[in-house]
């Protein structure tokens, strides 16, 4: 959660991990409820369609939505800095930044 001081990348990962269990439990209950209906001649095609839709929607919710959010807002990992901002080997100021004038 960004309000608690986490960077955006960590907030996305933590919220995805936190919501994983409720999403999977809810989806698995609905998916398992469709299994007995899938063997029916009348309700079988509808049950299979619902079952497949629930599986796809669950995967999209867990994987695609957080990835889309990170891509849309161009969120980068905190440890994935561009090379020009990384510190040089001699310990001087990172390139692209000037040292304060004396």
PDB file of N, CA and C in Angstrom:
ATOM      1  N   UNK A   1       0.844  -1.171   0.000  1.00  0.00           N
ATOM      2  CA  UNK A   1       0.000   0.000   0.000  1.00  0.00           C
ATOM      3  C   UNK A   1       0.890   1.235   0.000  1.00  0.00           C
ATOM      4  N   UNK A   2       0.706   2.083  -0.964  1.00  0.00           N
ATOM      5  CA  UNK A   2       1.540   3.279  -1.072  1.00  0.00           C
ATOM      6  C   UNK A   2       1.344   4.224   0.103  1.00  0.00           C
ATOM      7  N   UNK A   3       0.170   4.203   0.713  1.00  0.00           N
ATOM      8  CA  UNK A   3      -0.094   5.082   1.858  1.00  0.00           C
ATOM      9  C   UNK A   3       0.780   4.739   3.053  1.00  0.00           C
ATOM     10  N   UNK A   4       1.241   3.487   3.142  1.00  0.00           N
ATOM     11  CA  UNK A   4       2.091   3.083   4.261  1.00  0.00           C
ATOM     12  C   UNK A   4       3.566   3.316   3.974  1.00  0.00           C
ATOM     13  N   UNK A   5       3.877   3.963   2.847  1.00  0.00           N
ATOM     14  CA  UNK A   5       5.251   4.332   2.554  1.00  0.00           C
ATOM     15  C   UNK A   5       5.989   3.394   1.621  1.00  0.00           C
ATOM     16  N   UNK A   6       5.332   2.412   1.065  1.00  0.00           N
ATOM     17  CA  UNK A   6       5.990   1.506   0.127  1.00  0.00           C
ATOM     18  C   UNK A   6       6.099   2.169  -1.240  1.00  0.00           C
ATOM     19  N   UNK A   7       7.128   1.782  -1.995  1.00  0.00           N
ATOM     20  CA  UNK A   7       7.208   2.265  -3.366  1.00  0.00           C
ATOM     21  C   UNK A   7       6.121   1.562  -4.180  1.00  0.00           C
ATOM     22  N   UNK A   8       5.822   2.082  -5.353  1.00  0.00           N
ATOM     23  CA  UNK A   8       4.703   1.596  -6.146  1.00  0.00           C
ATOM     24  C   UNK A   8       4.873   0.137  -6.540  1.00  0.00           C
ATOM     25  N   UNK A   9       6.064  -0.263  -6.945  1.00  0.00           N
ATOM     26  CA  UNK A   9       6.295  -1.656  -7.354  1.00  0.00           C
ATOM     27  C   UNK A   9       6.005  -2.611  -6.195  1.00  0.00           C
ATOM     28  N   UNK A  10       6.529  -2.318  -5.026  1.00  0.00           N
ATOM     29  CA  UNK A  10       6.306  -3.167  -3.860  1.00  0.00           C
ATOM     30  C   UNK A  10       4.835  -3.179  -3.473  1.00  0.00           C
ATOM     31  N   UNK A  11       4.158  -2.042  -3.610  1.00  0.00           N
ATOM     32  CA  UNK A  11       2.731  -1.988  -3.301  1.00  0.00           C
ATOM     33  C   UNK A  11       1.929  -2.880  -4.244  1.00  0.00           C
ATOM     34  N   UNK A  12       2.292  -2.908  -5.521  1.00  0.00           N
ATOM     35  CA  UNK A  12       1.606  -3.773  -6.486  1.00  0.00           C
ATOM     36  C   UNK A  12       1.821  -5.235  -6.120  1.00  0.00           C
ATOM     37  N   UNK A  13       3.058  -5.607  -5.839  1.00  0.00           N
ATOM     38  CA  UNK A  13       3.369  -7.001  -5.511  1.00  0.00           C
ATOM     39  C   UNK A  13       2.691  -7.418  -4.211  1.00  0.00           C
ATOM     40  N   UNK A  14       2.775  -6.586  -3.194  1.00  0.00           N
ATOM     41  CA  UNK A  14       2.176  -6.923  -1.901  1.00  0.00           C
ATOM     42  C   UNK A  14       0.659  -7.040  -1.988  1.00  0.00           C
ATOM     43  N   UNK A  15       0.027  -6.155  -2.733  1.00  0.00           N
ATOM     44  CA  UNK A  15      -1.431  -6.237  -2.855  1.00  0.00           C
ATOM     45  C   UNK A  15      -1.851  -7.462  -3.654  1.00  0.00           C
ATOM     46  N   UNK A  16      -1.059  -7.842  -4.663  1.00  0.00           N
ATOM     47  CA  UNK A  16      -1.361  -9.051  -5.428  1.00  0.00           C
ATOM     48  C   UNK A  16      -1.232 -10.288  -4.544  1.00  0.00           C
ATOM     49  N   UNK A  17      -0.194 -10.347  -3.752  1.00  0.00           N
ATOM     50  CA  UNK A  17       0.008 -11.487  -2.857  1.00  0.00           C
ATOM     51  C   UNK A  17      -1.094 -11.530  -1.795  1.00  0.00           C
ATOM     52  N   UNK A  18      -1.468 -10.376  -1.277  1.00  0.00           N
ATOM     53  CA  UNK A  18      -2.495 -10.314  -0.238  1.00  0.00           C
ATOM     54  C   UNK A  18      -3.858 -10.758  -0.767  1.00  0.00           C
ATOM     55  N   UNK A  19      -4.194 -10.427  -2.000  1.00  0.00           N
ATOM     56  CA  UNK A  19      -5.501 -10.762  -2.567  1.00  0.00           C
ATOM     57  C   UNK A  19      -5.524 -12.122  -3.256  1.00  0.00           C
ATOM     58  N   UNK A  20      -4.391 -12.803  -3.363  1.00  0.00           N
ATOM     59  CA  UNK A  20      -4.316 -14.084  -4.069  1.00  0.00           C
ATOM     60  C   UNK A  20      -5.242 -15.127  -3.458  1.00  0.00           C
ATOM     61  N   UNK A  21      -5.148 -15.336  -2.171  1.00  0.00           N
ATOM     62  CA  UNK A  21      -5.923 -16.393  -1.519  1.00  0.00           C
ATOM     63  C   UNK A  21      -7.432 -16.176  -1.647  1.00  0.00           C
ATOM     64  N   UNK A  22      -7.977 -14.992  -1.332  1.00  0.00           N
ATOM     65  CA  UNK A  22      -9.426 -14.823  -1.500  1.00  0.00           C
ATOM     66  C   UNK A  22      -9.899 -14.999  -2.942  1.00  0.00           C
ATOM     67  N   UNK A  23      -9.108 -14.546  -3.887  1.00  0.00           N
ATOM     68  CA  UNK A  23      -9.488 -14.691  -5.301  1.00  0.00           C
ATOM     69  C   UNK A  23      -9.524 -16.161  -5.689  1.00  0.00           C
ATOM     70  N   UNK A  24      -8.490 -16.889  -5.329  1.00  0.00           N
ATOM     71  CA  UNK A  24      -8.413 -18.306  -5.695  1.00  0.00           C
ATOM     72  C   UNK A  24      -9.493 -19.118  -4.990  1.00  0.00           C
ATOM     73  N   UNK A  25      -9.754 -18.841  -3.721  1.00  0.00           N
ATOM     74  CA  UNK A  25     -10.781 -19.595  -3.004  1.00  0.00           C
ATOM     75  C   UNK A  25     -12.167 -19.338  -3.587  1.00  0.00           C
ATOM     76  N   UNK A  26     -12.474 -18.105  -3.897  1.00  0.00           N
ATOM     77  CA  UNK A  26     -13.774 -17.781  -4.473  1.00  0.00           C
ATOM     78  C   UNK A  26     -13.937 -18.412  -5.846  1.00  0.00           C
ATOM     79  N   UNK A  27     -12.914 -18.280  -6.668  1.00  0.00           N
ATOM     80  CA  UNK A  27     -12.984 -18.843  -8.016  1.00  0.00           C
ATOM     81  C   UNK A  27     -13.039 -20.364  -7.976  1.00  0.00           C
ATOM     82  N   UNK A  28     -12.274 -20.982  -7.102  1.00  0.00           N
ATOM     83  CA  UNK A  28     -12.286 -22.447  -7.046  1.00  0.00           C
ATOM     84  C   UNK A  28     -13.635 -22.969  -6.559  1.00  0.00           C
ATOM     85  N   UNK A  29     -14.296 -22.261  -5.657  1.00  0.00           N
ATOM     86  CA  UNK A  29     -15.631 -22.678  -5.219  1.00  0.00           C
ATOM     87  C   UNK A  29     -16.619 -22.640  -6.384  1.00  0.00           C
ATOM     88  N   UNK A  30     -16.555 -21.573  -7.174  1.00  0.00           N
ATOM     89  CA  UNK A  30     -17.457 -21.468  -8.332  1.00  0.00           C
ATOM     90  C   UNK A  30     -17.106 -22.493  -9.409  1.00  0.00           C
ATOM     91  N   UNK A  31     -15.814 -22.718  -9.625  1.00  0.00           N
ATOM     92  CA  UNK A  31     -15.379 -23.689 -10.632  1.00  0.00           C
ATOM     93  C   UNK A  31     -15.802 -25.098 -10.226  1.00  0.00           C
ATOM     94  N   UNK A  32     -15.588 -25.447  -8.975  1.00  0.00           N
ATOM     95  CA  UNK A  32     -15.969 -26.777  -8.504  1.00  0.00           C
ATOM     96  C   UNK A  32     -17.484 -26.970  -8.512  1.00  0.00           C
ATOM     97  N   UNK A  33     -18.239 -25.898  -8.359  1.00  0.00           N
ATOM     98  CA  UNK A  33     -19.700 -26.004  -8.424  1.00  0.00           C
ATOM     99  C   UNK A  33     -20.172 -26.321  -9.839  1.00  0.00           C
ATOM    100  N   UNK A  34     -19.380 -25.985 -10.840  1.00  0.00           N
ATOM    101  CA  UNK A  34     -19.754 -26.254 -12.226  1.00  0.00           C
ATOM    102  C   UNK A  34     -19.420 -27.680 -12.669  1.00  0.00           C
ATOM    103  N   UNK A  35     -18.543 -28.361 -11.944  1.00  0.00           N
ATOM    104  CA  UNK A  35     -18.103 -29.694 -12.347  1.00  0.00           C
ATOM    105  C   UNK A  35     -19.265 -30.687 -12.442  1.00  0.00           C
ATOM    106  N   UNK A  36     -20.154 -30.785 -11.441  1.00  0.00           N
ATOM    107  CA  UNK A  36     -21.271 -31.737 -11.588  1.00  0.00           C
ATOM    108  C   UNK A  36     -22.207 -31.387 -12.748  1.00  0.00           C
ATOM    109  N   UNK A  37     -22.385 -30.104 -13.004  1.00  0.00           N
ATOM    110  CA  UNK A  37     -23.260 -29.699 -14.102  1.00  0.00           C
ATOM    111  C   UNK A  37     -22.639 -29.987 -15.463  1.00  0.00           C
ATOM    112  N   UNK A  38     -21.321 -30.051 -15.525  1.00  0.00           N
ATOM    113  CA  UNK A  38     -20.641 -30.257 -16.802  1.00  0.00           C
ATOM    114  C   UNK A  38     -20.954 -31.628 -17.409  1.00  0.00           C
ATOM    115  N   UNK A  39     -21.380 -32.573 -16.600  1.00  0.00           N
ATOM    116  CA  UNK A  39     -21.696 -33.916 -17.101  1.00  0.00           C
ATOM    117  C   UNK A  39     -23.129 -34.019 -17.608  1.00  0.00           C
ATOM    118  N   UNK A  40     -23.922 -32.982 -17.404  1.00  0.00           N
ATOM    119  CA  UNK A  40     -25.314 -32.992 -17.841  1.00  0.00           C
ATOM    120  C   UNK A  40     -25.408 -32.746 -19.346  1.00  0.00           C
ATOM    121  N   UNK A  41     -26.404 -33.397 -19.958  1.00  0.00           N
ATOM    122  CA  UNK A  41     -26.607 -33.168 -21.391  1.00  0.00           C
ATOM    123  C   UNK A  41     -27.186 -31.787 -21.665  1.00  0.00           C
ATOM    124  N   UNK A  42     -28.031 -31.317 -20.764  1.00  0.00           N
ATOM    125  CA  UNK A  42     -28.698 -30.043 -20.990  1.00  0.00           C
ATOM    126  C   UNK A  42     -27.834 -28.861 -20.544  1.00  0.00           C
ATOM    127  N   UNK A  43     -27.295 -28.939 -19.321  1.00  0.00           N
ATOM    128  CA  UNK A  43     -26.524 -27.825 -18.767  1.00  0.00           C
ATOM    129  C   UNK A  43     -25.024 -27.943 -19.029  1.00  0.00           C
ATOM    130  N   UNK A  44     -24.571 -29.052 -19.588  1.00  0.00           N
ATOM    131  CA  UNK A  44     -23.144 -29.299 -19.781  1.00  0.00           C
ATOM    132  C   UNK A  44     -22.404 -28.237 -20.559  1.00  0.00           C
ATOM    133  N   UNK A  45     -22.866 -27.862 -21.760  1.00  0.00           N
ATOM    134  CA  UNK A  45     -22.134 -26.843 -22.517  1.00  0.00           C
ATOM    135  C   UNK A  45     -22.045 -25.487 -21.792  1.00  0.00           C
ATOM    136  N   UNK A  46     -23.139 -25.113 -21.140  1.00  0.00           N
ATOM    137  CA  UNK A  46     -23.125 -23.853 -20.395  1.00  0.00           C
ATOM    138  C   UNK A  46     -22.170 -23.939 -19.210  1.00  0.00           C
ATOM    139  N   UNK A  47     -22.175 -25.055 -18.497  1.00  0.00           N
ATOM    140  CA  UNK A  47     -21.297 -25.230 -17.341  1.00  0.00           C
ATOM    141  C   UNK A  47     -19.830 -25.215 -17.758  1.00  0.00           C
ATOM    142  N   UNK A  48     -19.531 -25.853 -18.871  1.00  0.00           N
ATOM    143  CA  UNK A  48     -18.143 -25.862 -19.355  1.00  0.00           C
ATOM    144  C   UNK A  48     -17.699 -24.463 -19.765  1.00  0.00           C
ATOM    145  N   UNK A  49     -18.593 -23.718 -20.386  1.00  0.00           N
ATOM    146  CA  UNK A  49     -18.276 -22.344 -20.772  1.00  0.00           C
ATOM    147  C   UNK A  49     -18.036 -21.475 -19.544  1.00  0.00           C
ATOM    148  N   UNK A  50     -18.899 -21.598 -18.551  1.00  0.00           N
ATOM    149  CA  UNK A  50     -18.731 -20.828 -17.313  1.00  0.00           C
ATOM    150  C   UNK A  50     -17.448 -21.232 -16.616  1.00  0.00           C
ATOM    151  N   UNK A  51     -17.173 -22.536 -16.564  1.00  0.00           N
ATOM    152  CA  UNK A  51     -15.964 -23.041 -15.937  1.00  0.00           C
ATOM    153  C   UNK A  51     -14.718 -22.459 -16.610  1.00  0.00           C
ATOM    154  N   UNK A  52     -14.680 -22.492 -17.929  1.00  0.00           N
ATOM    155  CA  UNK A  52     -13.534 -21.932 -18.651  1.00  0.00           C
ATOM    156  C   UNK A  52     -13.401 -20.437 -18.446  1.00  0.00           C
ATOM    157  N   UNK A  53     -14.535 -19.743 -18.443  1.00  0.00           N
ATOM    158  CA  UNK A  53     -14.498 -18.296 -18.208  1.00  0.00           C
ATOM    159  C   UNK A  53     -13.984 -17.945 -16.832  1.00  0.00           C
ATOM    160  N   UNK A  54     -14.370 -18.733 -15.838  1.00  0.00           N
ATOM    161  CA  UNK A  54     -13.886 -18.487 -14.478  1.00  0.00           C
ATOM    162  C   UNK A  54     -12.389 -18.729 -14.360  1.00  0.00           C
ATOM    163  N   UNK A  55     -11.904 -19.764 -15.018  1.00  0.00           N
ATOM    164  CA  UNK A  55     -10.459 -20.041 -14.990  1.00  0.00           C
ATOM    165  C   UNK A  55      -9.683 -18.899 -15.647  1.00  0.00           C
ATOM    166  N   UNK A  56     -10.136 -18.484 -16.821  1.00  0.00           N
ATOM    167  CA  UNK A  56      -9.449 -17.399 -17.538  1.00  0.00           C
ATOM    168  C   UNK A  56      -9.531 -16.093 -16.748  1.00  0.00           C
ATOM    169  N   UNK A  57     -10.693 -15.780 -16.201  1.00  0.00           N
ATOM    170  CA  UNK A  57     -10.852 -14.547 -15.431  1.00  0.00           C
ATOM    171  C   UNK A  57      -9.981 -14.545 -14.180  1.00  0.00           C
ATOM    172  N   UNK A  58      -9.841 -15.703 -13.553  1.00  0.00           N
ATOM    173  CA  UNK A  58      -8.997 -15.793 -12.362  1.00  0.00           C
ATOM    174  C   UNK A  58      -7.531 -15.545 -12.712  1.00  0.00           C
ATOM    175  N   UNK A  59      -7.065 -16.160 -13.773  1.00  0.00           N
ATOM    176  CA  UNK A  59      -5.672 -15.956 -14.204  1.00  0.00           C
ATOM    177  C   UNK A  59      -5.446 -14.491 -14.593  1.00  0.00           C
ATOM    178  N   UNK A  60      -6.395 -13.914 -15.307  1.00  0.00           N
ATOM    179  CA  UNK A  60      -6.265 -12.499 -15.678  1.00  0.00           C
ATOM    180  C   UNK A  60      -6.217 -11.605 -14.443  1.00  0.00           C
ATOM    181  N   UNK A  61      -7.047 -11.908 -13.460  1.00  0.00           N
ATOM    182  CA  UNK A  61      -7.089 -11.093 -12.242  1.00  0.00           C
ATOM    183  C   UNK A  61      -5.781 -11.182 -11.464  1.00  0.00           C
ATOM    184  N   UNK A  62      -5.219 -12.369 -11.396  1.00  0.00           N
ATOM    185  CA  UNK A  62      -4.012 -12.562 -10.586  1.00  0.00           C
ATOM    186  C   UNK A  62      -2.753 -12.093 -11.313  1.00  0.00           C
ATOM    187  N   UNK A  63      -2.666 -12.315 -12.609  1.00  0.00           N
ATOM    188  CA  UNK A  63      -1.430 -12.047 -13.349  1.00  0.00           C
ATOM    189  C   UNK A  63      -1.539 -10.783 -14.212  1.00  0.00           C
ATOM    190  N   UNK A  64      -2.556 -10.706 -15.032  1.00  0.00           N
ATOM    191  CA  UNK A  64      -2.621  -9.666 -16.051  1.00  0.00           C
ATOM    192  C   UNK A  64      -2.940  -8.282 -15.490  1.00  0.00           C
ATOM    193  N   UNK A  65      -3.876  -8.185 -14.566  1.00  0.00           N
ATOM    194  CA  UNK A  65      -4.276  -6.871 -14.049  1.00  0.00           C
ATOM    195  C   UNK A  65      -3.121  -6.156 -13.337  1.00  0.00           C
ATOM    196  N   UNK A  66      -2.387  -6.815 -12.415  1.00  0.00           N
ATOM    197  CA  UNK A  66      -1.244  -6.118 -11.814  1.00  0.00           C
ATOM    198  C   UNK A  66      -0.161  -5.757 -12.845  1.00  0.00           C
ATOM    199  N   UNK A  67       0.074  -6.658 -13.808  1.00  0.00           N
ATOM    200  CA  UNK A  67       1.072  -6.372 -14.843  1.00  0.00           C
ATOM    201  C   UNK A  67       0.626  -5.215 -15.726  1.00  0.00           C
ATOM    202  N   UNK A  68      -0.652  -5.173 -16.065  1.00  0.00           N
ATOM    203  CA  UNK A  68      -1.179  -4.073 -16.866  1.00  0.00           C
ATOM    204  C   UNK A  68      -1.070  -2.751 -16.118  1.00  0.00           C
ATOM    205  N   UNK A  69      -1.367  -2.762 -14.826  1.00  0.00           N
ATOM    206  CA  UNK A  69      -1.245  -1.546 -14.015  1.00  0.00           C
ATOM    207  C   UNK A  69       0.199  -1.054 -14.016  1.00  0.00           C
ATOM    208  N   UNK A  70       1.132  -1.978 -13.800  1.00  0.00           N
ATOM    209  CA  UNK A  70       2.547  -1.598 -13.772  1.00  0.00           C
ATOM    210  C   UNK A  70       3.004  -1.077 -15.127  1.00  0.00           C
ATOM    211  N   UNK A  71       2.520  -1.682 -16.205  1.00  0.00           N
ATOM    212  CA  UNK A  71       2.913  -1.232 -17.542  1.00  0.00           C
ATOM    213  C   UNK A  71       2.255   0.096 -17.899  1.00  0.00           C
ATOM    214  N   UNK A  72       0.993   0.248 -17.566  1.00  0.00           N
ATOM    215  CA  UNK A  72       0.252   1.467 -17.916  1.00  0.00           C
ATOM    216  C   UNK A  72       0.862   2.696 -17.247  1.00  0.00           C
ATOM    217  N   UNK A  73       1.208   2.565 -15.970  1.00  0.00           N
ATOM    218  CA  UNK A  73       1.772   3.688 -15.228  1.00  0.00           C
ATOM    219  C   UNK A  73       3.298   3.686 -15.237  1.00  0.00           C
ATOM    220  N   UNK A  74       3.885   2.792 -16.029  1.00  0.00           N
ATOM    221  CA  UNK A  74       5.343   2.697 -16.196  1.00  0.00           C
ATOM    222  C   UNK A  74       6.072   2.599 -14.854  1.00  0.00           C
ATOM    223  N   UNK A  75       5.602   1.669 -14.038  1.00  0.00           N
ATOM    224  CA  UNK A  75       6.202   1.439 -12.733  1.00  0.00           C
ATOM    225  C   UNK A  75       7.430   0.565 -12.928  1.00  0.00           C
ATOM    226  N   UNK A  76       8.525   0.956 -12.308  1.00  0.00           N
ATOM    227  CA  UNK A  76       9.760   0.173 -12.390  1.00  0.00           C
ATOM    228  C   UNK A  76      10.151  -0.289 -11.001  1.00  0.00           C
ATOM    229  N   UNK A  77      10.874  -1.392 -10.967  1.00  0.00           N
ATOM    230  CA  UNK A  77      11.384  -1.877  -9.688  1.00  0.00           C
ATOM    231  C   UNK A  77      12.354  -0.869  -9.114  1.00  0.00           C
ATOM    232  N   UNK A  78      12.393  -0.796  -7.804  1.00  0.00           N
ATOM    233  CA  UNK A  78      13.278   0.161  -7.146  1.00  0.00           C
ATOM    234  C   UNK A  78      14.748  -0.162  -7.407  1.00  0.00           C
ATOM    235  N   UNK A  79      15.103  -1.437  -7.545  1.00  0.00           N
ATOM    236  CA  UNK A  79      16.493  -1.818  -7.769  1.00  0.00           C
ATOM    237  C   UNK A  79      16.865  -1.850  -9.247  1.00  0.00           C
ATOM    238  N   UNK A  80      15.921  -1.549 -10.140  1.00  0.00           N
ATOM    239  CA  UNK A  80      16.189  -1.543 -11.584  1.00  0.00           C
ATOM    240  C   UNK A  80      16.374  -0.107 -12.057  1.00  0.00           C
ATOM    241  N   UNK A  81      17.519   0.452 -11.721  1.00  0.00           N
ATOM    242  CA  UNK A  81      17.811   1.831 -12.128  1.00  0.00           C
ATOM    243  C   UNK A  81      18.529   1.836 -13.463  1.00  0.00           C
ATOM    244  N   UNK A  82      18.330   2.865 -14.264  1.00  0.00           N
ATOM    245  CA  UNK A  82      19.069   2.974 -15.523  1.00  0.00           C
ATOM    246  C   UNK A  82      20.564   3.071 -15.256  1.00  0.00           C
ATOM    247  N   UNK A  83      21.368   2.643 -16.237  1.00  0.00           N
ATOM    248  CA  UNK A  83      22.817   2.613 -16.057  1.00  0.00           C
ATOM    249  C   UNK A  83      23.404   3.988 -15.812  1.00  0.00           C
ATOM    250  N   UNK A  84      22.827   5.022 -16.418  1.00  0.00           N
ATOM    251  CA  UNK A  84      23.408   6.354 -16.236  1.00  0.00           C
ATOM    252  C   UNK A  84      23.181   6.894 -14.833  1.00  0.00           C
ATOM    253  N   UNK A  85      22.251   6.311 -14.076  1.00  0.00           N
ATOM    254  CA  UNK A  85      22.026   6.772 -12.718  1.00  0.00           C
ATOM    255  C   UNK A  85      22.764   5.918 -11.697  1.00  0.00           C
ATOM    256  N   UNK A  86      23.313   4.804 -12.114  1.00  0.00           N
ATOM    257  CA  UNK A  86      24.039   3.925 -11.198  1.00  0.00           C
ATOM    258  C   UNK A  86      25.361   4.581 -10.810  1.00  0.00           C
ATOM    259  N   UNK A  87      25.835   4.274  -9.619  1.00  0.00           N
ATOM    260  CA  UNK A  87      27.099   4.835  -9.162  1.00  0.00           C
ATOM    261  C   UNK A  87      28.246   4.263  -9.970  1.00  0.00           C
ATOM    262  N   UNK A  88      29.256   5.079 -10.178  1.00  0.00           N
ATOM    263  CA  UNK A  88      30.419   4.590 -10.902  1.00  0.00           C
ATOM    264  C   UNK A  88      31.298   3.756  -9.969  1.00  0.00           C
ATOM    265  N   UNK A  89      32.228   3.016 -10.539  1.00  0.00           N
ATOM    266  CA  UNK A  89      33.052   2.092  -9.765  1.00  0.00           C
ATOM    267  C   UNK A  89      33.975   2.816  -8.788  1.00  0.00           C
ATOM    268  N   UNK A  90      34.355   4.071  -9.078  1.00  0.00           N
ATOM    269  CA  UNK A  90      35.292   4.763  -8.193  1.00  0.00           C
ATOM    270  C   UNK A  90      34.590   5.451  -7.024  1.00  0.00           C
ATOM    271  N   UNK A  91      33.270   5.303  -6.908  1.00  0.00           N
ATOM    272  CA  UNK A  91      32.564   5.847  -5.761  1.00  0.00           C
ATOM    273  C   UNK A  91      32.168   7.299  -5.916  1.00  0.00           C
ATOM    274  N   UNK A  92      32.391   7.877  -7.077  1.00  0.00           N
ATOM    275  CA  UNK A  92      31.993   9.267  -7.275  1.00  0.00           C
ATOM    276  C   UNK A  92      30.490   9.357  -7.449  1.00  0.00           C
ATOM    277  N   UNK A  93      30.007  10.556  -7.632  1.00  0.00           N
ATOM    278  CA  UNK A  93      28.569  10.769  -7.801  1.00  0.00           C
ATOM    279  C   UNK A  93      28.076  10.045  -9.047  1.00  0.00           C
ATOM    280  N   UNK A  94      26.839   9.606  -9.036  1.00  0.00           N
ATOM    281  CA  UNK A  94      26.306   8.927 -10.221  1.00  0.00           C
ATOM    282  C   UNK A  94      26.347   9.847 -11.430  1.00  0.00           C
ATOM    283  N   UNK A  95      26.550   9.252 -12.599  1.00  0.00           N
ATOM    284  CA  UNK A  95      26.583  10.061 -13.811  1.00  0.00           C
ATOM    285  C   UNK A  95      25.213  10.663 -14.059  1.00  0.00           C
ATOM    286  N   UNK A  96      25.191  11.815 -14.636  1.00  0.00           N
ATOM    287  CA  UNK A  96      23.948  12.504 -14.859  1.00  0.00           C
ATOM    288  C   UNK A  96      23.621  13.466 -13.739  1.00  0.00           C
ATOM    289  N   UNK A  97      24.323  13.347 -12.613  1.00  0.00           N
ATOM    290  CA  UNK A  97      24.140  14.250 -11.482  1.00  0.00           C
ATOM    291  C   UNK A  97      25.442  14.982 -11.239  1.00  0.00           C
ATOM    292  N   UNK A  98      25.331  16.240 -11.011  1.00  0.00           N
ATOM    293  CA  UNK A  98      26.549  17.020 -10.739  1.00  0.00           C
ATOM    294  C   UNK A  98      26.726  17.185  -9.251  1.00  0.00           C
ATOM    295  N   UNK A  99      27.972  17.179  -8.853  1.00  0.00           N
ATOM    296  CA  UNK A  99      28.287  17.429  -7.456  1.00  0.00           C
ATOM    297  C   UNK A  99      28.034  18.898  -7.148  1.00  0.00           C
ATOM    298  N   UNK A 100      27.607  19.231  -5.942  1.00  0.00           N
ATOM    299  CA  UNK A 100      27.348  20.636  -5.615  1.00  0.00           C
ATOM    300  C   UNK A 100      28.638  21.460  -5.717  1.00  0.00           C
ATOM    301  N   UNK A 101      28.482  22.688  -6.201  1.00  0.00           N
ATOM    302  CA  UNK A 101      29.628  23.576  -6.335  1.00  0.00           C
ATOM    303  C   UNK A 101      30.144  23.988  -4.971  1.00  0.00           C
ATOM    304  N   UNK A 102      31.466  24.044  -4.840  1.00  0.00           N
ATOM    305  CA  UNK A 102      32.069  24.385  -3.554  1.00  0.00           C
ATOM    306  C   UNK A 102      32.186  25.856  -3.350  1.00  0.00           C
TER     307      UNK A 102
END
